[in-house]
């Protein structure tokens, strides 16, 4: 029974991670014109509105990493390492 509960919890976490990533991608400046205009009218300041949107997007990206149980530093490190290996292999061939 305990294994079944862990599997269900893992599935819930993955769904929450996907939802948070989708919200973060929406808020981080793609397709958010109406919300941005409403917030701009509320705050009266472009930079405050921009800051709010980046903070909210960062919050949802962070929640996405939290729910997916990924370490963002390790993911970035692995990505950069792979990139350097590819670049190094391209320079060695020439």
PDB file of N, CA and C in Angstrom:
ATOM      1  N   UNK A   1       0.822  -1.198   0.000  1.00  0.00           N
ATOM      2  CA  UNK A   1       0.000   0.000   0.000  1.00  0.00           C
ATOM      3  C   UNK A   1       0.866   1.261   0.000  1.00  0.00           C
ATOM      4  N   UNK A   2       1.969   1.244   0.723  1.00  0.00           N
ATOM      5  CA  UNK A   2       2.860   2.380   0.813  1.00  0.00           C
ATOM      6  C   UNK A   2       3.489   2.693  -0.545  1.00  0.00           C
ATOM      7  N   UNK A   3       3.843   1.653  -1.293  1.00  0.00           N
ATOM      8  CA  UNK A   3       4.430   1.847  -2.618  1.00  0.00           C
ATOM      9  C   UNK A   3       3.416   2.487  -3.557  1.00  0.00           C
ATOM     10  N   UNK A   4       2.165   2.083  -3.442  1.00  0.00           N
ATOM     11  CA  UNK A   4       1.101   2.648  -4.273  1.00  0.00           C
ATOM     12  C   UNK A   4       0.911   4.135  -3.968  1.00  0.00           C
ATOM     13  N   UNK A   5       0.944   4.503  -2.694  1.00  0.00           N
ATOM     14  CA  UNK A   5       0.810   5.909  -2.310  1.00  0.00           C
ATOM     15  C   UNK A   5       1.969   6.747  -2.839  1.00  0.00           C
ATOM     16  N   UNK A   6       3.170   6.193  -2.794  1.00  0.00           N
ATOM     17  CA  UNK A   6       4.335   6.921  -3.316  1.00  0.00           C
ATOM     18  C   UNK A   6       4.206   7.139  -4.819  1.00  0.00           C
ATOM     19  N   UNK A   7       3.684   6.128  -5.529  1.00  0.00           N
ATOM     20  CA  UNK A   7       3.509   6.252  -6.973  1.00  0.00           C
ATOM     21  C   UNK A   7       2.474   7.325  -7.293  1.00  0.00           C
ATOM     22  N   UNK A   8       1.383   7.336  -6.544  1.00  0.00           N
ATOM     23  CA  UNK A   8       0.343   8.347  -6.751  1.00  0.00           C
ATOM     24  C   UNK A   8       0.889   9.734  -6.455  1.00  0.00           C
ATOM     25  N   UNK A   9       1.648   9.874  -5.370  1.00  0.00           N
ATOM     26  CA  UNK A   9       2.233  11.170  -5.014  1.00  0.00           C
ATOM     27  C   UNK A   9       3.217  11.642  -6.082  1.00  0.00           C
ATOM     28  N   UNK A  10       3.990  10.700  -6.631  1.00  0.00           N
ATOM     29  CA  UNK A  10       4.946  11.060  -7.676  1.00  0.00           C
ATOM     30  C   UNK A  10       4.211  11.557  -8.918  1.00  0.00           C
ATOM     31  N   UNK A  11       3.108  10.911  -9.278  1.00  0.00           N
ATOM     32  CA  UNK A  11       2.318  11.350 -10.422  1.00  0.00           C
ATOM     33  C   UNK A  11       1.720  12.734 -10.178  1.00  0.00           C
ATOM     34  N   UNK A  12       1.230  12.984  -8.967  1.00  0.00           N
ATOM     35  CA  UNK A  12       0.681  14.297  -8.623  1.00  0.00           C
ATOM     36  C   UNK A  12       1.763  15.371  -8.714  1.00  0.00           C
ATOM     37  N   UNK A  13       2.944  15.065  -8.196  1.00  0.00           N
ATOM     38  CA  UNK A  13       4.047  16.021  -8.253  1.00  0.00           C
ATOM     39  C   UNK A  13       4.424  16.335  -9.692  1.00  0.00           C
ATOM     40  N   UNK A  14       4.432  15.325 -10.561  1.00  0.00           N
ATOM     41  CA  UNK A  14       4.784  15.545 -11.959  1.00  0.00           C
ATOM     42  C   UNK A  14       3.734  16.420 -12.640  1.00  0.00           C
ATOM     43  N   UNK A  15       2.467  16.198 -12.332  1.00  0.00           N
ATOM     44  CA  UNK A  15       1.402  17.027 -12.903  1.00  0.00           C
ATOM     45  C   UNK A  15       1.515  18.469 -12.415  1.00  0.00           C
ATOM     46  N   UNK A  16       1.817  18.646 -11.131  1.00  0.00           N
ATOM     47  CA  UNK A  16       1.986  20.000 -10.595  1.00  0.00           C
ATOM     48  C   UNK A  16       3.198  20.684 -11.224  1.00  0.00           C
ATOM     49  N   UNK A  17       4.283  19.926 -11.429  1.00  0.00           N
ATOM     50  CA  UNK A  17       5.482  20.485 -12.053  1.00  0.00           C
ATOM     51  C   UNK A  17       5.167  20.965 -13.462  1.00  0.00           C
ATOM     52  N   UNK A  18       4.425  20.172 -14.212  1.00  0.00           N
ATOM     53  CA  UNK A  18       4.054  20.552 -15.576  1.00  0.00           C
ATOM     54  C   UNK A  18       3.158  21.786 -15.569  1.00  0.00           C
ATOM     55  N   UNK A  19       2.195  21.833 -14.676  1.00  0.00           N
ATOM     56  CA  UNK A  19       1.301  22.982 -14.580  1.00  0.00           C
ATOM     57  C   UNK A  19       2.083  24.255 -14.235  1.00  0.00           C
ATOM     58  N   UNK A  20       2.972  24.169 -13.267  1.00  0.00           N
ATOM     59  CA  UNK A  20       3.764  25.339 -12.866  1.00  0.00           C
ATOM     60  C   UNK A  20       4.673  25.800 -13.998  1.00  0.00           C
ATOM     61  N   UNK A  21       5.242  24.866 -14.737  1.00  0.00           N
ATOM     62  CA  UNK A  21       6.093  25.223 -15.865  1.00  0.00           C
ATOM     63  C   UNK A  21       5.280  25.934 -16.941  1.00  0.00           C
ATOM     64  N   UNK A  22       4.076  25.447 -17.200  1.00  0.00           N
ATOM     65  CA  UNK A  22       3.220  26.091 -18.193  1.00  0.00           C
ATOM     66  C   UNK A  22       2.838  27.504 -17.762  1.00  0.00           C
ATOM     67  N   UNK A  23       2.497  27.688 -16.501  1.00  0.00           N
ATOM     68  CA  UNK A  23       2.146  29.019 -16.012  1.00  0.00           C
ATOM     69  C   UNK A  23       3.357  29.943 -16.077  1.00  0.00           C
ATOM     70  N   UNK A  24       4.521  29.428 -15.696  1.00  0.00           N
ATOM     71  CA  UNK A  24       5.743  30.224 -15.759  1.00  0.00           C
ATOM     72  C   UNK A  24       6.084  30.643 -17.175  1.00  0.00           C
ATOM     73  N   UNK A  25       5.876  29.750 -18.134  1.00  0.00           N
ATOM     74  CA  UNK A  25       6.152  30.078 -19.529  1.00  0.00           C
ATOM     75  C   UNK A  25       5.155  31.119 -20.048  1.00  0.00           C
ATOM     76  N   UNK A  26       3.919  31.061 -19.584  1.00  0.00           N
ATOM     77  CA  UNK A  26       2.922  32.041 -20.010  1.00  0.00           C
ATOM     78  C   UNK A  26       3.244  33.424 -19.458  1.00  0.00           C
ATOM     79  N   UNK A  27       3.612  33.473 -18.190  1.00  0.00           N
ATOM     80  CA  UNK A  27       3.854  34.762 -17.542  1.00  0.00           C
ATOM     81  C   UNK A  27       5.172  35.373 -17.998  1.00  0.00           C
ATOM     82  N   UNK A  28       6.160  34.545 -18.242  1.00  0.00           N
ATOM     83  CA  UNK A  28       7.458  35.050 -18.680  1.00  0.00           C
ATOM     84  C   UNK A  28       7.318  35.468 -20.132  1.00  0.00           C
ATOM     85  N   UNK A  29       7.590  36.674 -20.476  1.00  0.00           N
ATOM     86  CA  UNK A  29       6.926  37.539 -21.447  1.00  0.00           C
ATOM     87  C   UNK A  29       6.457  36.942 -22.768  1.00  0.00           C
ATOM     88  N   UNK A  30       5.636  35.929 -22.749  1.00  0.00           N
ATOM     89  CA  UNK A  30       5.047  35.410 -23.970  1.00  0.00           C
ATOM     90  C   UNK A  30       3.545  35.267 -23.764  1.00  0.00           C
ATOM     91  N   UNK A  31       2.766  36.026 -24.480  1.00  0.00           N
ATOM     92  CA  UNK A  31       1.319  35.902 -24.442  1.00  0.00           C
ATOM     93  C   UNK A  31       0.657  36.455 -23.202  1.00  0.00           C
ATOM     94  N   UNK A  32       1.170  37.502 -22.653  1.00  0.00           N
ATOM     95  CA  UNK A  32       0.640  38.012 -21.391  1.00  0.00           C
ATOM     96  C   UNK A  32       0.194  39.463 -21.497  1.00  0.00           C
ATOM     97  N   UNK A  33      -0.120  39.896 -22.709  1.00  0.00           N
ATOM     98  CA  UNK A  33      -0.407  41.312 -22.958  1.00  0.00           C
ATOM     99  C   UNK A  33      -1.520  41.867 -22.084  1.00  0.00           C
ATOM    100  N   UNK A  34      -2.628  41.156 -21.987  1.00  0.00           N
ATOM    101  CA  UNK A  34      -3.773  41.655 -21.238  1.00  0.00           C
ATOM    102  C   UNK A  34      -3.439  41.768 -19.748  1.00  0.00           C
ATOM    103  N   UNK A  35      -2.833  40.713 -19.205  1.00  0.00           N
ATOM    104  CA  UNK A  35      -2.454  40.760 -17.789  1.00  0.00           C
ATOM    105  C   UNK A  35      -1.447  41.870 -17.517  1.00  0.00           C
ATOM    106  N   UNK A  36      -0.491  42.041 -18.434  1.00  0.00           N
ATOM    107  CA  UNK A  36       0.522  43.079 -18.267  1.00  0.00           C
ATOM    108  C   UNK A  36      -0.134  44.461 -18.264  1.00  0.00           C
ATOM    109  N   UNK A  37      -1.065  44.695 -19.200  1.00  0.00           N
ATOM    110  CA  UNK A  37      -1.743  45.995 -19.280  1.00  0.00           C
ATOM    111  C   UNK A  37      -2.567  46.259 -18.020  1.00  0.00           C
ATOM    112  N   UNK A  38      -3.265  45.244 -17.530  1.00  0.00           N
ATOM    113  CA  UNK A  38      -4.054  45.417 -16.313  1.00  0.00           C
ATOM    114  C   UNK A  38      -3.159  45.739 -15.119  1.00  0.00           C
ATOM    115  N   UNK A  39      -2.045  45.041 -15.001  1.00  0.00           N
ATOM    116  CA  UNK A  39      -1.118  45.284 -13.896  1.00  0.00           C
ATOM    117  C   UNK A  39      -0.465  46.658 -14.037  1.00  0.00           C
ATOM    118  N   UNK A  40      -0.144  47.032 -15.271  1.00  0.00           N
ATOM    119  CA  UNK A  40       0.445  48.350 -15.521  1.00  0.00           C
ATOM    120  C   UNK A  40      -0.524  49.458 -15.115  1.00  0.00           C
ATOM    121  N   UNK A  41      -1.788  49.291 -15.432  1.00  0.00           N
ATOM    122  CA  UNK A  41      -2.784  50.281 -15.026  1.00  0.00           C
ATOM    123  C   UNK A  41      -2.919  50.339 -13.504  1.00  0.00           C
ATOM    124  N   UNK A  42      -2.789  49.182 -12.857  1.00  0.00           N
ATOM    125  CA  UNK A  42      -2.891  49.120 -11.396  1.00  0.00           C
ATOM    126  C   UNK A  42      -1.708  49.786 -10.706  1.00  0.00           C
ATOM    127  N   UNK A  43      -0.490  49.481 -11.181  1.00  0.00           N
ATOM    128  CA  UNK A  43       0.713  49.992 -10.517  1.00  0.00           C
ATOM    129  C   UNK A  43       1.110  51.374 -11.011  1.00  0.00           C
ATOM    130  N   UNK A  44       0.861  51.655 -12.288  1.00  0.00           N
ATOM    131  CA  UNK A  44       1.258  52.943 -12.851  1.00  0.00           C
ATOM    132  C   UNK A  44       2.730  53.030 -13.183  1.00  0.00           C
ATOM    133  N   UNK A  45       3.454  51.934 -13.060  1.00  0.00           N
ATOM    134  CA  UNK A  45       4.892  51.936 -13.327  1.00  0.00           C
ATOM    135  C   UNK A  45       5.272  50.734 -14.189  1.00  0.00           C
ATOM    136  N   UNK A  46       5.928  51.020 -15.301  1.00  0.00           N
ATOM    137  CA  UNK A  46       6.363  49.945 -16.203  1.00  0.00           C
ATOM    138  C   UNK A  46       7.342  49.000 -15.514  1.00  0.00           C
ATOM    139  N   UNK A  47       8.331  49.572 -14.824  1.00  0.00           N
ATOM    140  CA  UNK A  47       9.374  48.741 -14.218  1.00  0.00           C
ATOM    141  C   UNK A  47       8.837  47.906 -13.054  1.00  0.00           C
ATOM    142  N   UNK A  48       7.917  48.443 -12.297  1.00  0.00           N
ATOM    143  CA  UNK A  48       7.299  47.668 -11.219  1.00  0.00           C
ATOM    144  C   UNK A  48       6.509  46.499 -11.806  1.00  0.00           C
ATOM    145  N   UNK A  49       5.760  46.777 -12.871  1.00  0.00           N
ATOM    146  CA  UNK A  49       4.981  45.728 -13.526  1.00  0.00           C
ATOM    147  C   UNK A  49       5.904  44.646 -14.090  1.00  0.00           C
ATOM    148  N   UNK A  50       6.968  45.049 -14.742  1.00  0.00           N
ATOM    149  CA  UNK A  50       7.928  44.089 -15.283  1.00  0.00           C
ATOM    150  C   UNK A  50       8.530  43.254 -14.162  1.00  0.00           C
ATOM    151  N   UNK A  51       8.894  43.898 -13.070  1.00  0.00           N
ATOM    152  CA  UNK A  51       9.452  43.175 -11.923  1.00  0.00           C
ATOM    153  C   UNK A  51       8.466  42.168 -11.348  1.00  0.00           C
ATOM    154  N   UNK A  52       7.215  42.566 -11.246  1.00  0.00           N
ATOM    155  CA  UNK A  52       6.185  41.655 -10.738  1.00  0.00           C
ATOM    156  C   UNK A  52       6.083  40.423 -11.629  1.00  0.00           C
ATOM    157  N   UNK A  53       6.057  40.634 -12.942  1.00  0.00           N
ATOM    158  CA  UNK A  53       5.914  39.497 -13.854  1.00  0.00           C
ATOM    159  C   UNK A  53       7.126  38.569 -13.809  1.00  0.00           C
ATOM    160  N   UNK A  54       8.325  39.132 -13.709  1.00  0.00           N
ATOM    161  CA  UNK A  54       9.500  38.266 -13.607  1.00  0.00           C
ATOM    162  C   UNK A  54       9.530  37.509 -12.281  1.00  0.00           C
ATOM    163  N   UNK A  55       9.108  38.153 -11.198  1.00  0.00           N
ATOM    164  CA  UNK A  55       9.064  37.458  -9.911  1.00  0.00           C
ATOM    165  C   UNK A  55       8.035  36.327  -9.913  1.00  0.00           C
ATOM    166  N   UNK A  56       6.864  36.583 -10.485  1.00  0.00           N
ATOM    167  CA  UNK A  56       5.838  35.544 -10.549  1.00  0.00           C
ATOM    168  C   UNK A  56       6.295  34.396 -11.448  1.00  0.00           C
ATOM    169  N   UNK A  57       6.895  34.729 -12.592  1.00  0.00           N
ATOM    170  CA  UNK A  57       7.405  33.683 -13.485  1.00  0.00           C
ATOM    171  C   UNK A  57       8.493  32.870 -12.783  1.00  0.00           C
ATOM    172  N   UNK A  58       9.390  33.550 -12.078  1.00  0.00           N
ATOM    173  CA  UNK A  58      10.435  32.848 -11.330  1.00  0.00           C
ATOM    174  C   UNK A  58       9.860  31.947 -10.255  1.00  0.00           C
ATOM    175  N   UNK A  59       8.808  32.417  -9.590  1.00  0.00           N
ATOM    176  CA  UNK A  59       8.144  31.601  -8.583  1.00  0.00           C
ATOM    177  C   UNK A  59       7.617  30.308  -9.195  1.00  0.00           C
ATOM    178  N   UNK A  60       6.947  30.414 -10.331  1.00  0.00           N
ATOM    179  CA  UNK A  60       6.384  29.215 -10.949  1.00  0.00           C
ATOM    180  C   UNK A  60       7.462  28.302 -11.526  1.00  0.00           C
ATOM    181  N   UNK A  61       8.547  28.868 -12.055  1.00  0.00           N
ATOM    182  CA  UNK A  61       9.655  28.016 -12.499  1.00  0.00           C
ATOM    183  C   UNK A  61      10.276  27.291 -11.305  1.00  0.00           C
ATOM    184  N   UNK A  62      10.428  28.001 -10.200  1.00  0.00           N
ATOM    185  CA  UNK A  62      10.946  27.358  -8.984  1.00  0.00           C
ATOM    186  C   UNK A  62      10.039  26.254  -8.491  1.00  0.00           C
ATOM    187  N   UNK A  63       8.722  26.503  -8.497  1.00  0.00           N
ATOM    188  CA  UNK A  63       7.778  25.454  -8.104  1.00  0.00           C
ATOM    189  C   UNK A  63       7.843  24.262  -9.046  1.00  0.00           C
ATOM    190  N   UNK A  64       8.075  24.538 -10.317  1.00  0.00           N
ATOM    191  CA  UNK A  64       8.203  23.448 -11.287  1.00  0.00           C
ATOM    192  C   UNK A  64       9.396  22.566 -10.939  1.00  0.00           C
ATOM    193  N   UNK A  65      10.523  23.183 -10.613  1.00  0.00           N
ATOM    194  CA  UNK A  65      11.697  22.399 -10.194  1.00  0.00           C
ATOM    195  C   UNK A  65      11.426  21.659  -8.891  1.00  0.00           C
ATOM    196  N   UNK A  66      10.729  22.313  -7.970  1.00  0.00           N
ATOM    197  CA  UNK A  66      10.426  21.690  -6.686  1.00  0.00           C
ATOM    198  C   UNK A  66       9.564  20.443  -6.867  1.00  0.00           C
ATOM    199  N   UNK A  67       8.482  20.570  -7.622  1.00  0.00           N
ATOM    200  CA  UNK A  67       7.568  19.440  -7.793  1.00  0.00           C
ATOM    201  C   UNK A  67       8.169  18.321  -8.642  1.00  0.00           C
ATOM    202  N   UNK A  68       9.050  18.656  -9.569  1.00  0.00           N
ATOM    203  CA  UNK A  68       9.656  17.606 -10.395  1.00  0.00           C
ATOM    204  C   UNK A  68      10.874  16.987  -9.707  1.00  0.00           C
ATOM    205  N   UNK A  69      11.236  17.524  -8.545  1.00  0.00           N
ATOM    206  CA  UNK A  69      12.371  17.032  -7.755  1.00  0.00           C
ATOM    207  C   UNK A  69      13.696  17.128  -8.522  1.00  0.00           C
ATOM    208  N   UNK A  70      13.822  18.172  -9.338  1.00  0.00           N
ATOM    209  CA  UNK A  70      15.059  18.403 -10.074  1.00  0.00           C
ATOM    210  C   UNK A  70      15.852  19.502  -9.390  1.00  0.00           C
ATOM    211  N   UNK A  71      17.168  19.354  -9.398  1.00  0.00           N
ATOM    212  CA  UNK A  71      18.048  20.390  -8.887  1.00  0.00           C
ATOM    213  C   UNK A  71      18.432  21.272 -10.068  1.00  0.00           C
ATOM    214  N   UNK A  72      17.986  22.536 -10.107  1.00  0.00           N
ATOM    215  CA  UNK A  72      18.254  23.376 -11.277  1.00  0.00           C
ATOM    216  C   UNK A  72      19.744  23.605 -11.518  1.00  0.00           C
ATOM    217  N   UNK A  73      20.530  23.658 -10.461  1.00  0.00           N
ATOM    218  CA  UNK A  73      21.975  23.847 -10.617  1.00  0.00           C
ATOM    219  C   UNK A  73      22.582  22.645 -11.333  1.00  0.00           C
ATOM    220  N   UNK A  74      22.170  21.443 -10.936  1.00  0.00           N
ATOM    221  CA  UNK A  74      22.685  20.229 -11.577  1.00  0.00           C
ATOM    222  C   UNK A  74      22.246  20.152 -13.036  1.00  0.00           C
ATOM    223  N   UNK A  75      21.012  20.557 -13.318  1.00  0.00           N
ATOM    224  CA  UNK A  75      20.513  20.534 -14.699  1.00  0.00           C
ATOM    225  C   UNK A  75      21.312  21.511 -15.567  1.00  0.00           C
ATOM    226  N   UNK A  76      21.526  22.715 -15.070  1.00  0.00           N
ATOM    227  CA  UNK A  76      22.295  23.717 -15.820  1.00  0.00           C
ATOM    228  C   UNK A  76      23.734  23.255 -15.997  1.00  0.00           C
ATOM    229  N   UNK A  77      24.331  22.695 -14.947  1.00  0.00           N
ATOM    230  CA  UNK A  77      25.704  22.212 -15.034  1.00  0.00           C
ATOM    231  C   UNK A  77      25.828  21.113 -16.096  1.00  0.00           C
ATOM    232  N   UNK A  78      24.888  20.194 -16.105  1.00  0.00           N
ATOM    233  CA  UNK A  78      24.913  19.104 -17.088  1.00  0.00           C
ATOM    234  C   UNK A  78      24.752  19.652 -18.510  1.00  0.00           C
ATOM    235  N   UNK A  79      23.861  20.621 -18.684  1.00  0.00           N
ATOM    236  CA  UNK A  79      23.637  21.221 -19.993  1.00  0.00           C
ATOM    237  C   UNK A  79      24.888  21.942 -20.490  1.00  0.00           C
ATOM    238  N   UNK A  80      25.527  22.717 -19.611  1.00  0.00           N
ATOM    239  CA  UNK A  80      26.736  23.452 -19.992  1.00  0.00           C
ATOM    240  C   UNK A  80      27.874  22.472 -20.294  1.00  0.00           C
ATOM    241  N   UNK A  81      28.004  21.417 -19.502  1.00  0.00           N
ATOM    242  CA  UNK A  81      29.041  20.415 -19.752  1.00  0.00           C
ATOM    243  C   UNK A  81      28.860  19.758 -21.113  1.00  0.00           C
ATOM    244  N   UNK A  82      27.639  19.379 -21.435  1.00  0.00           N
ATOM    245  CA  UNK A  82      27.361  18.785 -22.746  1.00  0.00           C
ATOM    246  C   UNK A  82      27.666  19.760 -23.875  1.00  0.00           C
ATOM    247  N   UNK A  83      27.316  21.029 -23.675  1.00  0.00           N
ATOM    248  CA  UNK A  83      27.588  22.044 -24.684  1.00  0.00           C
ATOM    249  C   UNK A  83      29.085  22.188 -24.920  1.00  0.00           C
ATOM    250  N   UNK A  84      29.870  22.252 -23.840  1.00  0.00           N
ATOM    251  CA  UNK A  84      31.321  22.366 -23.987  1.00  0.00           C
ATOM    252  C   UNK A  84      31.919  21.141 -24.665  1.00  0.00           C
ATOM    253  N   UNK A  85      31.404  19.970 -24.362  1.00  0.00           N
ATOM    254  CA  UNK A  85      31.893  18.747 -25.020  1.00  0.00           C
ATOM    255  C   UNK A  85      31.618  18.783 -26.512  1.00  0.00           C
ATOM    256  N   UNK A  86      30.432  19.253 -26.898  1.00  0.00           N
ATOM    257  CA  UNK A  86      30.094  19.349 -28.320  1.00  0.00           C
ATOM    258  C   UNK A  86      30.985  20.359 -29.022  1.00  0.00           C
ATOM    259  N   UNK A  87      31.210  21.510 -28.393  1.00  0.00           N
ATOM    260  CA  UNK A  87      32.069  22.534 -28.986  1.00  0.00           C
ATOM    261  C   UNK A  87      33.496  22.017 -29.101  1.00  0.00           C
ATOM    262  N   UNK A  88      33.963  21.350 -28.073  1.00  0.00           N
ATOM    263  CA  UNK A  88      35.320  20.799 -28.081  1.00  0.00           C
ATOM    264  C   UNK A  88      35.468  19.751 -29.178  1.00  0.00           C
ATOM    265  N   UNK A  89      34.467  18.904 -29.356  1.00  0.00           N
ATOM    266  CA  UNK A  89      34.553  17.880 -30.392  1.00  0.00           C
ATOM    267  C   UNK A  89      34.527  18.515 -31.790  1.00  0.00           C
ATOM    268  N   UNK A  90      33.834  19.634 -31.953  1.00  0.00           N
ATOM    269  CA  UNK A  90      33.819  20.323 -33.242  1.00  0.00           C
ATOM    270  C   UNK A  90      35.165  20.961 -33.552  1.00  0.00           C
ATOM    271  N   UNK A  91      35.817  21.510 -32.542  1.00  0.00           N
ATOM    272  CA  UNK A  91      37.103  22.169 -32.770  1.00  0.00           C
ATOM    273  C   UNK A  91      38.213  21.162 -33.005  1.00  0.00           C
ATOM    274  N   UNK A  92      38.111  19.978 -32.433  1.00  0.00           N
ATOM    275  CA  UNK A  92      39.140  18.951 -32.617  1.00  0.00           C
ATOM    276  C   UNK A  92      39.082  18.376 -34.033  1.00  0.00           C
ATOM    277  N   UNK A  93      37.901  18.270 -34.623  1.00  0.00           N
ATOM    278  CA  UNK A  93      37.744  17.686 -35.953  1.00  0.00           C
ATOM    279  C   UNK A  93      38.382  18.534 -37.031  1.00  0.00           C
ATOM    280  N   UNK A  94      38.490  19.833 -36.828  1.00  0.00           N
ATOM    281  CA  UNK A  94      39.029  20.725 -37.869  1.00  0.00           C
ATOM    282  C   UNK A  94      40.497  20.785 -37.838  1.00  0.00           C
TER     283      UNK A  94
END
